N, C-alpha and C. Protein backbone atom coordinates (compact mmCIF):
# COMPACT_ATOMS: atom_id res chain seq x y z
N MET A 1 58.32 29.72 27.00
CA MET A 1 57.14 30.55 26.62
C MET A 1 56.69 30.19 25.25
N SER A 2 55.45 29.99 25.07
CA SER A 2 54.86 29.59 23.83
C SER A 2 54.87 30.59 22.76
N PHE A 3 54.61 30.32 21.44
CA PHE A 3 54.66 31.27 20.39
C PHE A 3 53.55 32.29 20.75
N GLN A 4 52.36 31.74 20.98
CA GLN A 4 51.21 32.85 21.26
C GLN A 4 51.60 33.80 22.33
N GLU A 5 52.19 33.25 23.45
CA GLU A 5 52.59 34.20 24.54
C GLU A 5 53.63 35.18 24.16
N SER A 6 54.65 34.79 23.36
CA SER A 6 55.68 35.70 22.84
C SER A 6 55.04 36.70 21.95
N TYR A 7 54.20 36.25 21.07
CA TYR A 7 53.59 37.12 20.15
C TYR A 7 52.78 38.21 20.88
N GLU A 8 52.01 37.80 21.89
CA GLU A 8 51.15 38.74 22.57
C GLU A 8 52.04 39.79 23.23
N LYS A 9 53.29 39.52 23.46
CA LYS A 9 54.13 40.59 24.07
C LYS A 9 54.62 41.58 23.14
N PHE A 10 54.38 41.41 21.77
CA PHE A 10 54.72 42.39 20.71
C PHE A 10 53.80 43.58 20.93
N ASN A 11 54.20 44.76 20.53
CA ASN A 11 53.31 45.78 20.41
C ASN A 11 52.87 45.76 18.99
N ASP A 12 51.87 46.71 18.67
CA ASP A 12 51.19 46.62 17.40
C ASP A 12 52.23 46.76 16.22
N LYS A 13 53.20 47.66 16.41
CA LYS A 13 54.26 47.83 15.34
C LYS A 13 55.06 46.51 15.12
N GLU A 14 55.40 45.84 16.21
CA GLU A 14 56.15 44.61 16.13
C GLU A 14 55.35 43.52 15.41
N LYS A 15 54.04 43.53 15.81
CA LYS A 15 53.16 42.45 15.19
C LYS A 15 53.02 42.61 13.69
N GLN A 16 52.94 43.99 13.29
CA GLN A 16 52.79 44.24 11.92
C GLN A 16 54.16 43.87 11.18
N MET A 17 55.23 44.08 11.80
CA MET A 17 56.57 43.78 11.17
C MET A 17 56.75 42.31 11.15
N PHE A 18 56.32 41.50 12.04
CA PHE A 18 56.38 40.05 12.07
C PHE A 18 55.57 39.58 10.84
N SER A 19 54.45 40.11 10.72
CA SER A 19 53.42 39.67 9.63
C SER A 19 54.14 40.06 8.18
N ASN A 20 54.68 41.29 8.13
CA ASN A 20 55.13 41.69 6.84
C ASN A 20 56.47 40.86 6.54
N ILE A 21 57.24 40.39 7.42
CA ILE A 21 58.47 39.73 7.13
C ILE A 21 58.09 38.23 6.81
N CYS A 22 57.18 37.70 7.45
CA CYS A 22 56.63 36.43 7.07
C CYS A 22 56.21 36.27 5.63
N ASN A 23 55.51 37.30 5.20
CA ASN A 23 55.09 37.39 3.86
C ASN A 23 56.17 37.70 2.85
N GLN A 24 57.08 38.46 3.33
CA GLN A 24 58.30 38.80 2.55
C GLN A 24 59.17 37.54 2.27
N LEU A 25 59.35 36.81 3.31
CA LEU A 25 60.07 35.48 3.20
C LEU A 25 59.34 34.55 2.24
N LEU A 26 58.07 34.37 2.23
CA LEU A 26 57.28 33.55 1.47
C LEU A 26 57.42 33.90 -0.08
N PHE A 27 57.51 35.28 -0.24
CA PHE A 27 57.48 35.75 -1.54
C PHE A 27 59.03 35.90 -2.20
N ASN A 28 59.83 36.32 -1.35
CA ASN A 28 61.28 36.44 -1.77
C ASN A 28 62.32 35.50 -1.45
N ASN A 29 61.91 34.68 -0.42
CA ASN A 29 62.79 33.51 0.04
C ASN A 29 64.11 33.97 0.77
N PHE A 30 64.66 35.08 0.47
CA PHE A 30 65.92 35.46 1.09
C PHE A 30 66.00 36.86 1.66
N LEU A 31 66.65 37.08 2.73
CA LEU A 31 66.93 38.36 3.26
C LEU A 31 68.40 38.63 3.48
N SER A 32 68.91 39.76 3.20
CA SER A 32 70.31 40.08 3.38
C SER A 32 70.64 41.21 4.35
N LYS A 33 71.44 41.07 5.17
CA LYS A 33 71.97 42.21 6.05
C LYS A 33 72.49 43.33 5.33
N ASP A 34 73.04 43.03 4.22
CA ASP A 34 73.82 44.06 3.43
C ASP A 34 72.87 44.77 2.43
N LYS A 35 71.56 44.45 2.37
CA LYS A 35 70.69 45.05 1.42
C LYS A 35 69.80 46.02 2.31
N LYS A 36 69.78 47.32 1.82
CA LYS A 36 69.12 48.31 2.55
C LYS A 36 67.64 47.97 2.90
N ASP A 37 66.90 47.52 1.91
CA ASP A 37 65.51 47.26 2.17
C ASP A 37 65.17 45.95 2.87
N THR A 38 66.26 45.18 3.22
CA THR A 38 65.86 43.95 3.97
C THR A 38 66.70 43.87 5.29
N LYS A 39 67.64 44.83 5.52
CA LYS A 39 68.42 44.92 6.73
C LYS A 39 67.69 44.93 8.02
N ASP A 40 66.61 45.67 8.09
CA ASP A 40 65.89 45.68 9.32
C ASP A 40 65.11 44.37 9.52
N ALA A 41 64.58 43.82 8.47
CA ALA A 41 63.94 42.54 8.59
C ALA A 41 64.95 41.39 8.90
N TYR A 42 66.13 41.49 8.40
CA TYR A 42 67.08 40.53 8.81
C TYR A 42 67.32 40.53 10.28
N TYR A 43 67.54 41.76 10.89
CA TYR A 43 67.93 41.81 12.35
C TYR A 43 66.64 41.48 13.13
N PHE A 44 65.37 41.69 12.62
CA PHE A 44 64.18 41.39 13.33
C PHE A 44 64.13 39.93 13.37
N VAL A 45 64.39 39.15 12.39
CA VAL A 45 64.43 37.63 12.44
C VAL A 45 65.55 37.11 13.35
N LEU A 46 66.63 37.75 13.22
CA LEU A 46 67.76 37.37 14.17
C LEU A 46 67.44 37.42 15.56
N ASN A 47 66.68 38.54 15.99
CA ASN A 47 66.28 38.73 17.33
C ASN A 47 65.09 37.81 17.72
N TYR A 48 64.29 37.45 16.83
CA TYR A 48 63.12 36.56 17.22
C TYR A 48 63.11 35.30 16.40
N LYS A 49 64.29 34.76 16.26
CA LYS A 49 64.47 33.52 15.30
C LYS A 49 63.56 32.35 15.80
N ARG A 50 63.50 32.12 17.13
CA ARG A 50 62.60 31.02 17.58
C ARG A 50 61.26 31.16 17.24
N MET A 51 60.67 32.36 17.29
CA MET A 51 59.33 32.53 16.89
C MET A 51 59.10 32.22 15.41
N PHE A 52 60.03 32.66 14.60
CA PHE A 52 59.87 32.44 13.20
C PHE A 52 59.90 31.04 12.83
N ASP A 53 60.89 30.25 13.62
CA ASP A 53 60.98 28.82 13.46
C ASP A 53 59.74 28.14 13.86
N GLU A 54 59.20 28.43 14.94
CA GLU A 54 57.90 27.83 15.32
C GLU A 54 56.69 28.09 14.46
N TYR A 55 56.72 29.39 13.86
CA TYR A 55 55.59 29.79 12.98
C TYR A 55 55.69 28.96 11.68
N PHE A 56 56.84 28.79 11.09
CA PHE A 56 56.90 28.15 9.76
C PHE A 56 57.09 26.66 9.83
N GLU A 57 57.46 26.21 11.02
CA GLU A 57 57.55 24.79 11.07
C GLU A 57 56.30 23.99 10.90
N VAL A 58 55.07 24.46 11.31
CA VAL A 58 53.90 23.79 11.12
C VAL A 58 53.56 23.67 9.68
N MET A 59 54.11 24.45 8.83
CA MET A 59 53.85 24.49 7.38
C MET A 59 55.02 23.81 6.59
N GLY A 60 55.93 23.26 7.29
CA GLY A 60 56.95 22.48 6.58
C GLY A 60 58.12 23.32 6.07
N TRP A 61 58.23 24.65 6.57
CA TRP A 61 59.26 25.53 6.22
C TRP A 61 60.35 25.56 7.30
N GLU A 62 61.70 25.92 6.80
CA GLU A 62 62.79 26.04 7.72
C GLU A 62 63.33 27.35 7.52
N VAL A 63 63.55 28.23 8.58
CA VAL A 63 64.38 29.43 8.45
C VAL A 63 65.79 29.10 8.65
N ILE A 64 66.61 29.17 7.56
CA ILE A 64 68.06 28.98 7.60
C ILE A 64 68.71 30.39 7.87
N LEU A 65 69.51 30.45 8.92
CA LEU A 65 70.15 31.79 9.24
C LEU A 65 71.74 31.52 9.14
N SER A 66 72.32 32.37 8.39
CA SER A 66 73.75 32.30 8.31
C SER A 66 74.31 33.69 8.79
N THR A 67 74.62 33.72 10.10
CA THR A 67 75.18 34.98 10.71
C THR A 67 76.50 35.25 10.01
N GLU A 68 77.28 34.32 9.69
CA GLU A 68 78.61 34.62 9.13
C GLU A 68 78.43 35.46 7.87
N ASN A 69 77.51 35.12 7.08
CA ASN A 69 77.31 35.83 5.80
C ASN A 69 76.17 36.80 5.84
N GLY A 70 75.46 36.93 7.03
CA GLY A 70 74.47 37.93 7.13
C GLY A 70 73.39 37.66 6.09
N ALA A 71 72.85 36.43 6.08
CA ALA A 71 71.84 35.94 5.12
C ALA A 71 70.89 35.04 5.79
N ILE A 72 69.65 35.16 5.37
CA ILE A 72 68.59 34.27 5.67
C ILE A 72 67.83 33.76 4.56
N GLN A 73 67.45 32.50 4.69
CA GLN A 73 66.65 31.72 3.67
C GLN A 73 65.55 30.97 4.22
N LEU A 74 64.31 31.09 3.51
CA LEU A 74 63.27 30.34 3.88
C LEU A 74 63.20 29.03 2.96
N TYR A 75 63.34 27.88 3.61
CA TYR A 75 63.43 26.68 2.80
C TYR A 75 62.24 25.69 3.07
N ASN A 76 61.84 25.08 2.17
CA ASN A 76 60.71 24.00 2.32
C ASN A 76 61.32 22.76 2.42
N ARG A 77 61.23 21.95 3.60
CA ARG A 77 61.85 20.70 3.85
C ARG A 77 61.12 19.74 2.93
N ASN A 78 60.01 19.96 2.40
CA ASN A 78 59.22 18.86 1.61
C ASN A 78 59.40 19.23 0.08
N ASN A 79 60.25 20.15 -0.25
CA ASN A 79 60.48 20.41 -1.65
C ASN A 79 59.33 20.89 -2.42
N LYS A 80 58.32 21.59 -1.59
CA LYS A 80 57.15 22.09 -2.20
C LYS A 80 57.35 23.73 -2.41
N ASN A 81 56.50 24.23 -3.35
CA ASN A 81 56.42 25.59 -3.70
C ASN A 81 57.81 26.09 -4.00
N MET A 82 58.58 25.23 -4.68
CA MET A 82 59.93 25.68 -5.17
C MET A 82 59.99 26.08 -6.57
N LEU A 83 60.75 27.17 -6.83
CA LEU A 83 60.86 27.72 -8.26
C LEU A 83 61.74 26.77 -9.14
N ARG A 84 61.11 26.31 -10.17
CA ARG A 84 61.79 25.49 -11.07
C ARG A 84 62.51 26.29 -12.15
N LEU A 85 63.85 26.34 -12.01
CA LEU A 85 64.49 27.14 -13.08
C LEU A 85 64.66 26.52 -14.33
N LYS A 86 64.60 27.39 -15.40
CA LYS A 86 64.99 26.99 -16.77
C LYS A 86 66.49 26.81 -16.90
N LYS A 87 67.02 26.13 -18.00
CA LYS A 87 68.27 25.84 -18.10
C LYS A 87 69.18 27.06 -18.05
N ASN A 88 68.82 28.16 -18.76
CA ASN A 88 69.72 29.33 -18.74
C ASN A 88 69.66 30.06 -17.45
N GLU A 89 68.54 30.01 -16.70
CA GLU A 89 68.43 30.48 -15.41
C GLU A 89 69.33 29.84 -14.42
N SER A 90 69.40 28.48 -14.47
CA SER A 90 70.29 27.70 -13.64
C SER A 90 71.75 28.12 -13.89
N ILE A 91 72.05 28.19 -15.19
CA ILE A 91 73.35 28.52 -15.60
C ILE A 91 73.77 29.93 -15.10
N ILE A 92 72.98 30.89 -15.25
CA ILE A 92 73.31 32.23 -14.76
C ILE A 92 73.41 32.28 -13.33
N LEU A 93 72.58 31.48 -12.57
CA LEU A 93 72.71 31.57 -11.13
C LEU A 93 74.06 30.97 -10.68
N ILE A 94 74.56 29.88 -11.26
CA ILE A 94 75.78 29.37 -10.94
C ILE A 94 76.91 30.26 -11.31
N ILE A 95 76.80 31.01 -12.49
CA ILE A 95 77.84 32.04 -12.84
C ILE A 95 77.89 33.15 -11.83
N LEU A 96 76.77 33.51 -11.38
CA LEU A 96 76.63 34.58 -10.33
C LEU A 96 77.43 34.01 -8.98
N ARG A 97 77.20 32.82 -8.66
CA ARG A 97 77.78 32.20 -7.51
C ARG A 97 79.40 32.17 -7.69
N ILE A 98 79.77 31.78 -8.80
CA ILE A 98 81.26 31.69 -9.15
C ILE A 98 81.88 33.11 -9.18
N LEU A 99 81.17 34.06 -9.84
CA LEU A 99 81.76 35.44 -9.80
C LEU A 99 81.92 35.93 -8.39
N TYR A 100 80.88 35.66 -7.52
CA TYR A 100 80.93 36.02 -6.15
C TYR A 100 82.15 35.49 -5.45
N GLN A 101 82.34 34.19 -5.62
CA GLN A 101 83.41 33.46 -4.97
C GLN A 101 84.78 34.00 -5.39
N GLU A 102 84.92 34.33 -6.68
CA GLU A 102 86.12 34.75 -7.25
C GLU A 102 86.45 36.18 -6.81
N LYS A 103 85.56 36.92 -6.59
CA LYS A 103 85.75 38.35 -6.15
C LYS A 103 85.71 38.64 -4.64
N VAL A 104 84.91 37.83 -3.93
CA VAL A 104 84.65 38.28 -2.57
C VAL A 104 86.00 38.42 -1.72
N THR A 105 87.00 37.63 -2.01
CA THR A 105 88.28 37.66 -1.22
C THR A 105 89.01 38.92 -1.49
N SER A 106 88.74 39.62 -2.53
CA SER A 106 89.52 40.84 -2.86
C SER A 106 88.80 42.14 -2.45
N TYR A 107 87.56 41.84 -1.85
CA TYR A 107 86.78 43.04 -1.50
C TYR A 107 86.90 43.14 -0.04
N THR A 108 87.44 44.14 0.55
CA THR A 108 87.87 44.33 1.92
C THR A 108 86.93 45.48 2.56
N ASP A 109 86.37 46.35 1.74
CA ASP A 109 85.62 47.45 2.37
C ASP A 109 84.14 47.40 2.11
N SER A 110 83.68 46.36 1.45
CA SER A 110 82.29 46.29 1.12
C SER A 110 81.34 45.37 1.76
N GLY A 111 81.78 44.88 2.97
CA GLY A 111 81.15 43.89 3.71
C GLY A 111 81.13 42.48 2.98
N ASN A 112 80.06 41.91 2.92
CA ASN A 112 79.94 40.60 2.13
C ASN A 112 79.49 40.61 0.71
N THR A 113 79.27 41.94 0.10
CA THR A 113 78.78 42.03 -1.13
C THR A 113 79.92 42.07 -2.11
N VAL A 114 79.63 41.93 -3.40
CA VAL A 114 80.70 42.10 -4.44
C VAL A 114 79.81 42.79 -5.67
N SER A 115 80.61 43.27 -6.56
CA SER A 115 79.97 44.02 -7.72
C SER A 115 80.57 43.44 -9.04
N VAL A 116 79.65 43.15 -9.97
CA VAL A 116 80.17 42.72 -11.29
C VAL A 116 79.49 43.50 -12.36
N LYS A 117 79.97 43.49 -13.53
CA LYS A 117 79.29 44.20 -14.64
C LYS A 117 78.37 43.11 -15.39
N VAL A 118 77.29 43.63 -16.06
CA VAL A 118 76.56 42.76 -16.91
C VAL A 118 77.25 42.08 -17.85
N ASP A 119 78.32 42.75 -18.46
CA ASP A 119 79.16 42.12 -19.52
C ASP A 119 80.06 41.07 -18.93
N GLU A 120 80.42 41.11 -17.61
CA GLU A 120 81.27 40.04 -17.12
C GLU A 120 80.39 38.73 -16.89
N ILE A 121 79.07 38.85 -16.69
CA ILE A 121 78.17 37.79 -16.57
C ILE A 121 78.09 37.07 -18.00
N HIS A 122 77.88 37.99 -19.13
CA HIS A 122 77.77 37.58 -20.44
C HIS A 122 79.10 36.89 -20.97
N GLN A 123 80.22 37.44 -20.59
CA GLN A 123 81.51 37.02 -20.99
C GLN A 123 81.77 35.55 -20.31
N LYS A 124 81.42 35.47 -19.04
CA LYS A 124 81.52 34.20 -18.41
C LYS A 124 80.72 33.13 -19.06
N TYR A 125 79.50 33.39 -19.48
CA TYR A 125 78.64 32.48 -20.13
C TYR A 125 79.35 32.12 -21.49
N GLU A 126 79.74 33.12 -22.28
CA GLU A 126 80.42 32.88 -23.51
C GLU A 126 81.68 31.98 -23.46
N SER A 127 82.42 32.23 -22.46
CA SER A 127 83.68 31.41 -22.20
C SER A 127 83.35 29.93 -22.00
N LEU A 128 82.07 29.53 -21.71
CA LEU A 128 81.85 28.15 -21.54
C LEU A 128 81.64 27.39 -22.92
N GLU A 129 81.39 28.18 -23.92
CA GLU A 129 81.36 27.75 -25.33
C GLU A 129 80.23 26.71 -25.42
N TYR A 130 79.08 27.04 -24.97
CA TYR A 130 77.86 26.24 -25.17
C TYR A 130 77.50 26.31 -26.57
N LYS A 131 76.81 25.16 -27.04
CA LYS A 131 76.37 25.17 -28.29
C LYS A 131 75.30 26.22 -28.54
N LYS A 132 74.42 26.57 -27.60
CA LYS A 132 73.37 27.48 -27.63
C LYS A 132 73.80 28.82 -26.89
N LYS A 133 73.91 29.89 -27.51
CA LYS A 133 74.25 31.14 -26.88
C LYS A 133 73.05 31.71 -26.17
N ILE A 134 73.26 32.68 -25.23
CA ILE A 134 72.32 33.38 -24.60
C ILE A 134 72.16 34.83 -25.18
N TYR A 135 70.78 35.17 -25.43
CA TYR A 135 70.50 36.57 -25.88
C TYR A 135 70.59 37.52 -24.67
N LYS A 136 71.06 38.80 -25.12
CA LYS A 136 71.01 39.76 -24.06
C LYS A 136 69.75 40.02 -23.40
N THR A 137 68.64 39.92 -24.22
CA THR A 137 67.25 40.10 -23.71
C THR A 137 66.87 39.07 -22.61
N ASP A 138 67.25 37.80 -22.83
CA ASP A 138 67.19 36.68 -21.91
C ASP A 138 67.90 37.04 -20.63
N LEU A 139 69.19 37.38 -20.78
CA LEU A 139 70.04 37.75 -19.64
C LEU A 139 69.36 38.76 -18.74
N VAL A 140 68.87 39.76 -19.46
CA VAL A 140 68.20 40.82 -18.67
C VAL A 140 67.06 40.42 -17.89
N GLN A 141 66.24 39.63 -18.42
CA GLN A 141 65.01 39.00 -17.78
C GLN A 141 65.45 38.12 -16.53
N ILE A 142 66.54 37.41 -16.71
CA ILE A 142 67.05 36.55 -15.63
C ILE A 142 67.55 37.42 -14.49
N ILE A 143 68.33 38.50 -14.79
CA ILE A 143 68.76 39.38 -13.76
C ILE A 143 67.60 40.02 -13.02
N ARG A 144 66.59 40.37 -13.74
CA ARG A 144 65.50 41.00 -12.99
C ARG A 144 64.73 39.97 -12.03
N MET A 145 64.73 38.79 -12.52
CA MET A 145 64.10 37.66 -11.76
C MET A 145 64.99 37.52 -10.49
N PHE A 146 66.21 37.39 -10.53
CA PHE A 146 67.00 37.05 -9.30
C PHE A 146 67.07 38.19 -8.35
N LYS A 147 66.78 39.57 -8.92
CA LYS A 147 66.68 40.71 -8.07
C LYS A 147 65.51 40.52 -7.17
N ARG A 148 64.47 39.97 -7.68
CA ARG A 148 63.24 39.79 -6.78
C ARG A 148 63.49 38.95 -5.57
N PHE A 149 64.49 37.97 -5.72
CA PHE A 149 64.73 37.05 -4.67
C PHE A 149 65.93 37.67 -3.70
N ASN A 150 66.22 38.81 -3.91
CA ASN A 150 67.33 39.52 -2.90
C ASN A 150 68.58 38.86 -3.09
N LEU A 151 68.95 38.24 -4.26
CA LEU A 151 70.24 37.68 -4.64
C LEU A 151 71.11 38.82 -5.16
N ILE A 152 70.59 39.69 -5.89
CA ILE A 152 71.43 40.63 -6.67
C ILE A 152 70.68 41.97 -6.69
N GLU A 153 71.41 42.97 -6.97
CA GLU A 153 70.79 44.35 -7.19
C GLU A 153 71.43 45.19 -8.32
N PRO A 154 70.70 45.30 -9.36
CA PRO A 154 71.28 46.09 -10.42
C PRO A 154 71.33 47.57 -10.04
N GLN A 155 72.57 48.22 -10.44
CA GLN A 155 72.79 49.51 -10.05
C GLN A 155 72.63 50.48 -11.27
N GLY A 156 71.53 50.35 -11.97
CA GLY A 156 71.40 51.09 -13.07
C GLY A 156 70.61 50.37 -14.15
N ASP A 157 70.84 50.72 -15.49
CA ASP A 157 70.07 50.10 -16.62
C ASP A 157 70.63 48.73 -16.90
N VAL A 158 70.03 47.67 -16.58
CA VAL A 158 70.49 46.25 -16.86
C VAL A 158 70.65 45.93 -18.34
N THR A 159 70.06 46.80 -19.25
CA THR A 159 70.29 46.55 -20.69
C THR A 159 71.63 47.06 -21.14
N ARG A 160 72.34 47.63 -20.31
CA ARG A 160 73.68 48.14 -20.64
C ARG A 160 74.68 47.22 -20.10
N GLY A 161 75.69 46.80 -20.90
CA GLY A 161 76.83 45.90 -20.35
C GLY A 161 77.65 46.52 -19.33
N SER A 162 77.61 47.86 -19.21
CA SER A 162 78.37 48.52 -18.12
C SER A 162 77.78 48.64 -16.85
N CYS A 163 76.51 48.24 -16.77
CA CYS A 163 75.77 48.31 -15.55
C CYS A 163 76.33 47.35 -14.44
N ASP A 164 76.49 48.00 -13.27
CA ASP A 164 77.03 47.19 -12.03
C ASP A 164 75.87 46.28 -11.45
N ILE A 165 76.31 45.17 -11.14
CA ILE A 165 75.40 44.28 -10.45
C ILE A 165 75.91 43.97 -9.10
N VAL A 166 75.33 44.36 -8.00
CA VAL A 166 75.76 43.85 -6.66
C VAL A 166 75.26 42.51 -6.44
N ILE A 167 76.25 41.57 -6.04
CA ILE A 167 75.74 40.19 -5.61
C ILE A 167 75.75 40.11 -4.13
N TYR A 168 74.68 39.67 -3.53
CA TYR A 168 74.57 39.55 -2.05
C TYR A 168 74.94 38.09 -1.60
N PRO A 169 75.48 38.12 -0.38
CA PRO A 169 75.76 36.73 0.14
C PRO A 169 74.70 35.71 0.28
N THR A 170 73.46 36.18 0.00
CA THR A 170 72.35 35.16 -0.07
C THR A 170 72.55 34.21 -1.17
N ILE A 171 73.44 34.50 -2.16
CA ILE A 171 73.81 33.69 -3.27
C ILE A 171 74.48 32.31 -2.73
N LEU A 172 75.16 32.47 -1.56
CA LEU A 172 75.78 31.28 -0.92
C LEU A 172 74.54 30.28 -0.44
N LEU A 173 73.53 30.75 -0.01
CA LEU A 173 72.43 29.81 0.36
C LEU A 173 71.65 29.43 -0.80
N ALA A 174 71.54 30.17 -1.88
CA ALA A 174 70.82 29.69 -3.09
C ALA A 174 71.58 28.70 -3.87
N VAL A 175 72.85 28.83 -3.78
CA VAL A 175 73.70 27.70 -4.45
C VAL A 175 74.73 27.28 -3.24
N ASN A 176 74.43 26.17 -2.82
CA ASN A 176 75.24 25.68 -1.59
C ASN A 176 76.79 25.91 -1.89
N ASN A 177 77.49 25.78 -0.70
CA ASN A 177 78.93 26.12 -0.77
C ASN A 177 79.83 25.04 -1.41
N TYR A 178 79.52 24.89 -2.67
CA TYR A 178 80.48 24.06 -3.58
C TYR A 178 81.75 24.80 -3.71
N ASN A 179 82.84 24.04 -3.94
CA ASN A 179 84.08 24.78 -4.32
C ASN A 179 83.90 25.11 -5.81
N ILE A 180 84.86 25.91 -6.28
CA ILE A 180 84.84 26.51 -7.63
C ILE A 180 84.89 25.41 -8.72
N GLU A 181 85.77 24.35 -8.39
CA GLU A 181 85.81 23.24 -9.36
C GLU A 181 84.57 22.51 -9.59
N VAL A 182 83.77 22.23 -8.49
CA VAL A 182 82.50 21.57 -8.61
C VAL A 182 81.45 22.47 -9.39
N LEU A 183 81.58 23.79 -9.16
CA LEU A 183 80.67 24.70 -9.89
C LEU A 183 80.95 24.56 -11.29
N TYR A 184 82.14 24.68 -11.74
CA TYR A 184 82.49 24.60 -13.05
C TYR A 184 82.08 23.30 -13.80
N GLU A 185 82.22 22.20 -12.97
CA GLU A 185 81.70 20.90 -13.48
C GLU A 185 80.14 20.94 -13.66
N LEU A 186 79.45 21.61 -12.72
CA LEU A 186 78.02 21.79 -12.92
C LEU A 186 77.73 22.50 -14.23
N LEU A 187 78.40 23.56 -14.39
CA LEU A 187 78.21 24.21 -15.65
C LEU A 187 78.47 23.54 -16.94
N GLN A 188 79.58 22.69 -16.87
CA GLN A 188 79.81 21.79 -18.08
C GLN A 188 78.72 20.81 -18.38
N SER A 189 78.09 20.31 -17.28
CA SER A 189 77.02 19.33 -17.44
C SER A 189 75.85 19.87 -18.01
N TYR A 190 75.66 21.20 -18.11
CA TYR A 190 74.49 21.81 -18.79
C TYR A 190 74.66 21.84 -20.31
N ASP A 191 75.76 21.47 -20.87
CA ASP A 191 75.97 21.58 -22.33
C ASP A 191 75.42 20.29 -22.93
N GLY A 192 75.28 20.23 -24.23
CA GLY A 192 74.90 19.01 -24.94
C GLY A 192 73.43 18.70 -24.92
N GLY A 193 72.73 19.73 -24.87
CA GLY A 193 71.21 19.64 -25.21
C GLY A 193 70.31 19.26 -24.00
N ILE A 194 70.71 19.63 -22.83
CA ILE A 194 69.98 19.28 -21.69
C ILE A 194 68.69 20.21 -21.73
N SER A 195 67.55 19.55 -21.44
CA SER A 195 66.27 20.34 -21.51
C SER A 195 66.09 21.10 -20.26
N ASP A 196 65.12 22.08 -20.25
CA ASP A 196 64.90 22.96 -19.14
C ASP A 196 64.43 22.14 -17.94
N GLU A 197 63.75 20.98 -18.11
CA GLU A 197 63.17 20.20 -17.09
C GLU A 197 64.41 19.50 -16.30
N GLU A 198 65.50 19.24 -17.04
CA GLU A 198 66.59 18.48 -16.49
C GLU A 198 67.52 19.45 -15.75
N ALA A 199 67.28 20.79 -15.88
CA ALA A 199 68.35 21.69 -15.49
C ALA A 199 68.10 22.12 -13.98
N ASN A 200 67.14 21.57 -13.30
CA ASN A 200 66.88 22.00 -11.94
C ASN A 200 67.65 21.20 -10.96
């Protein structure tokens, strides 16, 4: 059955949901089964994966589905329309990935999500002993940016070090499944005056 034939079988509500999810993927890139406001979208894509594949394929996008982690990513095969992260943004992203990996094995009742404090992120950054430190205001801005991409979810005022940050398994797609040693090596490579352009 062609895409058009499958689409015409949708009722009006399903057509609207398909449209909304396509726009959501283009804007947010990630969907998590464990995030309340993307859970329905995740299962809709899961049920109609072939249609989403066909729709995005003509534009050079690929819908990556990880059922094991309950995560979906929209990835551009031609490396177009990609967000270029600044150095500190790249570092914080890898730190979030490390914290997720370090904590997920001890979380038995929370699905695939883990929770960390803002202070834990800052402390992990400080432990790397970079020549240039990160200001709390910069960290807050980075946290808010990654929230937009459904990678994390602050549970309160992110300007407070005691604020909990939920990390979703979408982080595994944002930063490929490197082992912890490789991730730490990546972090060490960012010291010594690397420019923002080199940090991507």
